[in-house]
Amino acid sequence: MAIQQRAERTRREILSAAARVFDGLGYERASLARIAGEARVTTGALVFHFATKADLATEVRGRARAVTRVTVESACLSTEGVGGTAIDKLVIATHALIRLFETDPTARAGERLTRELQSTGPGESRECPWRREVARLARFAAAEKALRPGVDATAVAALIGYVITGVELEMRSPDVRVEETWPAEESREPRCATESGALPGPAEQRLARIWELILPGLVQQPTVRRHGV
């Protein structure tokens, strides 16, 4: 039993290390030796658990899908008791997702690996939990007649997908500060703590300001509460 527990712990450490390396270097530049060093195990021990780099990438992407699914589903459930609309849920889910990307290297690694290993398309949208949830909420918003006439739910889902990907990519640049991209005077409201009690990070501030810009063009009455900021 002790040996089995130790093996499982080693496997988890390897996967966490692989996520950090994939997140920082990408798939092509990552190597089994680099991941083994990050995990503080021998290359032989790593290969015992994962024969190839592709196997590691598959497992990291699976973990990323799981954590993003739980994140967006939990965010949507948090509005159930207060009568949240589909637009409310869409806003709060995207904020929760960006908070996850700001703090979780596995989630970020999943996004990077998806971009590097396969192109975006319908198949990916069905596979990716957060894209699937965004599309579902956009359809619900249309069913609730919350969208402006002529605004297509599919286009809304695509737009939000581009926004999330863009914000996630921008947070990878250490030289970009929120003040440089989004001047403080553009924000009409002070920063407020998130549901967890922490102040929003720069990426989440960017997302909040993007929502301020695009909501009037998407919804009939853009009176959505500012979630997460």
Protein backbone atom coordinates (compact mmCIF):
# COMPACT_ATOMS: atom_id res chain seq x y z
CA MET A 1 0.00 0.00 0.00
CA ALA A 2 2.83 2.41 0.91
CA ILE A 3 4.54 1.70 -2.42
CA GLN A 4 1.32 2.34 -4.30
CA GLN A 5 0.75 5.63 -2.47
CA ARG A 6 4.32 6.72 -3.17
CA ALA A 7 3.91 5.88 -6.85
CA GLU A 8 0.68 7.87 -7.03
CA ARG A 9 2.32 10.84 -5.32
CA THR A 10 5.22 10.70 -7.77
CA ARG A 11 2.77 10.57 -10.67
CA ARG A 12 0.96 13.67 -9.38
CA GLU A 13 4.26 15.51 -8.93
CA ILE A 14 5.29 14.65 -12.48
CA LEU A 15 1.97 15.91 -13.86
CA SER A 16 2.22 19.15 -11.89
CA ALA A 17 5.78 19.66 -13.11
CA ALA A 18 4.76 18.87 -16.69
CA ALA A 19 1.99 21.47 -16.48
CA ARG A 20 4.45 24.13 -15.32
CA VAL A 21 6.92 23.29 -18.08
CA PHE A 22 4.28 23.12 -20.82
CA ASP A 23 2.81 26.39 -19.54
CA GLY A 24 6.16 28.15 -19.59
CA LEU A 25 7.87 26.63 -22.62
CA GLY A 26 5.17 25.11 -24.80
CA TYR A 27 5.04 21.60 -26.20
CA GLU A 28 7.94 21.69 -28.64
CA ARG A 29 10.50 23.19 -26.25
CA ALA A 30 9.51 20.99 -23.34
CA SER A 31 11.54 17.83 -22.89
CA LEU A 32 11.18 14.78 -20.70
CA ALA A 33 14.51 15.62 -19.07
CA ARG A 34 13.34 19.17 -18.29
CA ILE A 35 10.07 17.88 -16.83
CA ALA A 36 11.88 15.24 -14.79
CA GLY A 37 14.18 17.91 -13.39
CA GLU A 38 11.21 20.12 -12.51
CA ALA A 39 9.57 17.15 -10.75
CA ARG A 40 12.87 16.21 -9.05
CA VAL A 41 12.73 12.66 -10.31
CA THR A 42 14.95 10.70 -12.68
CA THR A 43 14.03 10.49 -16.35
CA GLY A 44 13.67 6.76 -15.84
CA ALA A 45 11.11 7.30 -13.09
CA LEU A 46 9.19 9.69 -15.33
CA VAL A 47 9.17 7.25 -18.26
CA PHE A 48 7.94 4.51 -15.92
CA HIS A 49 4.75 6.56 -15.46
CA PHE A 50 4.57 8.28 -18.87
CA ALA A 51 6.30 6.70 -21.82
CA THR A 52 6.25 9.77 -24.06
CA LYS A 53 5.85 13.53 -23.97
CA ALA A 54 2.63 13.10 -25.90
CA ASP A 55 1.25 10.92 -23.09
CA LEU A 56 2.09 13.64 -20.59
CA ALA A 57 0.46 16.33 -22.72
CA THR A 58 -2.70 14.25 -23.06
CA GLU A 59 -2.93 13.79 -19.30
CA VAL A 60 -2.26 17.48 -18.56
CA ARG A 61 -4.93 18.52 -21.05
CA GLY A 62 -7.36 16.11 -19.41
CA ARG A 63 -6.66 17.61 -15.98
CA ALA A 64 -7.07 21.11 -17.41
CA ARG A 65 -10.44 20.23 -18.92
CA ALA A 66 -11.57 18.82 -15.59
CA VAL A 67 -10.59 21.88 -13.56
CA THR A 68 -12.08 24.34 -16.05
CA ARG A 69 -15.32 22.36 -16.15
CA VAL A 70 -15.65 22.44 -12.36
CA THR A 71 -14.81 26.15 -12.33
CA VAL A 72 -17.42 27.27 -14.84
CA GLU A 73 -20.10 24.94 -13.51
CA SER A 74 -19.53 26.14 -9.94
CA ALA A 75 -19.62 29.76 -11.06
CA CYS A 76 -22.96 29.25 -12.80
CA LEU A 77 -24.40 27.42 -9.81
CA SER A 78 -23.45 30.35 -7.57
CA THR A 79 -26.11 32.48 -9.31
CA GLU A 80 -28.94 29.94 -9.05
CA GLY A 81 -30.22 31.19 -5.71
CA VAL A 82 -30.31 34.85 -6.73
CA GLY A 83 -32.16 34.52 -10.02
CA GLY A 84 -29.16 34.89 -12.28
CA THR A 85 -29.91 35.25 -15.98
CA ALA A 86 -27.90 33.57 -18.72
CA ILE A 87 -25.99 36.83 -19.23
CA ASP A 88 -25.24 37.01 -15.49
CA LYS A 89 -23.95 33.46 -15.62
CA LEU A 90 -21.89 34.16 -18.72
CA VAL A 91 -20.17 37.14 -17.10
CA ILE A 92 -19.50 35.45 -13.79
CA ALA A 93 -18.28 32.24 -15.45
CA THR A 94 -15.77 34.12 -17.59
CA HIS A 95 -14.48 35.98 -14.53
CA ALA A 96 -14.07 32.70 -12.67
CA LEU A 97 -12.25 31.25 -15.65
CA ILE A 98 -9.79 34.13 -15.90
CA ARG A 99 -9.14 33.92 -12.14
CA LEU A 100 -8.35 30.25 -12.68
CA PHE A 101 -5.94 31.04 -15.52
CA GLU A 102 -4.22 33.66 -13.36
CA THR A 103 -3.51 31.15 -10.60
CA ASP A 104 -3.45 27.62 -12.03
CA PRO A 105 -0.58 26.52 -14.31
CA THR A 106 -2.43 23.32 -15.24
CA ALA A 107 -5.36 25.31 -16.63
CA ARG A 108 -3.00 27.59 -18.54
CA ALA A 109 -0.99 24.63 -19.82
CA GLY A 110 -4.19 23.07 -21.14
CA GLU A 111 -4.95 26.23 -23.11
CA ARG A 112 -1.45 26.45 -24.54
CA LEU A 113 -1.33 22.79 -25.47
CA THR A 114 -4.70 23.04 -27.18
CA ARG A 115 -3.45 25.93 -29.30
CA GLU A 116 -0.18 24.23 -30.17
CA LEU A 117 -1.42 20.70 -30.80
CA GLN A 118 -4.64 21.30 -32.69
CA SER A 119 -6.37 24.18 -34.43
CA THR A 120 -9.55 25.73 -33.08
CA GLY A 121 -12.67 24.27 -34.65
CA PRO A 122 -16.07 22.76 -33.92
CA GLY A 123 -14.50 19.60 -32.55
CA GLU A 124 -12.46 21.55 -30.02
CA SER A 125 -15.50 23.52 -28.89
CA ARG A 126 -17.31 20.29 -28.08
CA GLU A 127 -14.25 18.97 -26.24
CA CYS A 128 -13.43 22.14 -24.30
CA PRO A 129 -15.71 22.51 -21.25
CA TRP A 130 -15.53 26.28 -20.95
CA ARG A 131 -16.18 26.86 -24.65
CA ARG A 132 -19.10 24.46 -24.50
CA GLU A 133 -20.53 26.29 -21.48
CA VAL A 134 -20.11 29.69 -23.14
CA ALA A 135 -21.99 28.43 -26.19
CA ARG A 136 -24.76 26.99 -24.01
CA LEU A 137 -25.18 30.23 -22.07
CA ALA A 138 -25.23 32.27 -25.28
CA ARG A 139 -28.07 30.08 -26.57
CA PHE A 140 -29.93 30.50 -23.28
CA ALA A 141 -29.48 34.28 -23.50
CA ALA A 142 -31.06 34.19 -26.95
CA ALA A 143 -33.92 32.05 -25.63
CA GLU A 144 -34.48 34.58 -22.83
CA LYS A 145 -34.57 37.30 -25.52
CA ALA A 146 -31.77 39.08 -23.72
CA LEU A 147 -29.74 39.59 -26.91
CA ARG A 148 -30.32 42.54 -29.20
CA PRO A 149 -32.28 41.84 -32.39
CA GLY A 150 -29.96 40.46 -35.03
CA VAL A 151 -27.31 39.34 -32.53
CA ASP A 152 -26.59 35.66 -33.15
CA ALA A 153 -25.85 33.37 -30.20
CA THR A 154 -23.16 31.52 -32.15
CA ALA A 155 -21.39 34.79 -32.89
CA VAL A 156 -21.64 35.80 -29.22
CA ALA A 157 -20.06 32.50 -28.15
CA ALA A 158 -17.25 32.96 -30.68
CA LEU A 159 -16.64 36.54 -29.53
CA ILE A 160 -16.42 35.54 -25.87
CA GLY A 161 -14.11 32.68 -26.82
CA TYR A 162 -11.78 35.15 -28.56
CA VAL A 163 -11.93 37.48 -25.55
CA ILE A 164 -11.01 34.75 -23.07
CA THR A 165 -8.19 33.46 -25.25
CA GLY A 166 -6.90 37.00 -25.81
CA VAL A 167 -6.87 37.85 -22.11
CA GLU A 168 -5.20 34.53 -21.30
CA LEU A 169 -2.52 35.16 -23.92
CA GLU A 170 -1.91 38.71 -22.72
CA MET A 171 -1.36 37.59 -19.14
CA ARG A 172 1.63 35.60 -20.41
CA SER A 173 3.49 38.82 -21.25
CA PRO A 174 5.44 39.98 -18.18
CA ASP A 175 6.03 43.38 -19.80
CA VAL A 176 2.34 44.30 -20.07
CA ARG A 177 0.83 46.03 -17.06
CA VAL A 178 -2.86 46.65 -16.69
CA GLU A 179 -2.27 50.41 -16.38
CA GLU A 180 -0.52 50.49 -19.76
CA THR A 181 -3.29 48.71 -21.65
CA TRP A 182 -6.31 49.90 -19.70
CA PRO A 183 -5.87 53.43 -18.28
CA ALA A 184 -7.27 53.79 -14.78
CA GLU A 185 -9.55 56.66 -15.77
CA GLU A 186 -11.47 54.35 -18.11
CA SER A 187 -12.79 52.36 -15.15
CA ARG A 188 -15.87 54.02 -13.68
CA GLU A 189 -15.95 51.90 -10.54
CA PRO A 190 -13.41 51.09 -7.82
CA ARG A 191 -11.87 47.67 -7.56
CA CYS A 192 -13.84 45.37 -5.30
CA ALA A 193 -12.97 42.05 -3.78
CA THR A 194 -13.98 38.87 -5.57
CA GLU A 195 -16.19 36.22 -3.99
CA SER A 196 -13.06 34.65 -2.49
CA GLY A 197 -12.18 37.94 -0.76
CA ALA A 198 -9.16 38.65 -2.97
CA LEU A 199 -8.76 41.68 -5.20
CA PRO A 200 -8.99 40.88 -8.92
CA GLY A 201 -5.74 40.49 -10.77
CA PRO A 202 -4.74 42.52 -13.84
CA ALA A 203 -6.21 39.99 -16.28
CA GLU A 204 -9.54 40.01 -14.52
CA GLN A 205 -9.56 43.81 -14.56
CA ARG A 206 -9.04 43.70 -18.31
CA LEU A 207 -11.93 41.28 -18.69
CA ALA A 208 -14.23 43.51 -16.63
CA ARG A 209 -13.48 46.49 -18.85
CA ILE A 210 -13.97 44.44 -22.00
CA TRP A 211 -17.40 43.43 -20.73
CA GLU A 212 -18.21 47.10 -20.11
CA LEU A 213 -17.42 47.80 -23.75
CA ILE A 214 -19.19 44.89 -25.43
CA LEU A 215 -22.31 44.37 -23.32
CA PRO A 216 -24.20 47.38 -24.70
CA GLY A 217 -23.81 45.98 -28.20
CA LEU A 218 -24.95 42.49 -27.23
CA VAL A 219 -27.87 42.78 -24.85
CA GLN A 220 -31.18 44.61 -24.78
CA GLN A 221 -30.56 46.26 -21.41
CA PRO A 222 -26.94 45.95 -20.24
CA THR A 223 -27.73 46.07 -16.53
CA VAL A 224 -25.70 43.03 -15.60
CA ARG A 225 -24.06 43.17 -12.17
CA ARG A 226 -20.27 43.48 -12.20
CA HIS A 227 -19.29 39.99 -11.13
CA GLY A 228 -15.91 39.25 -9.64
CA VAL A 229 -14.62 42.84 -9.60
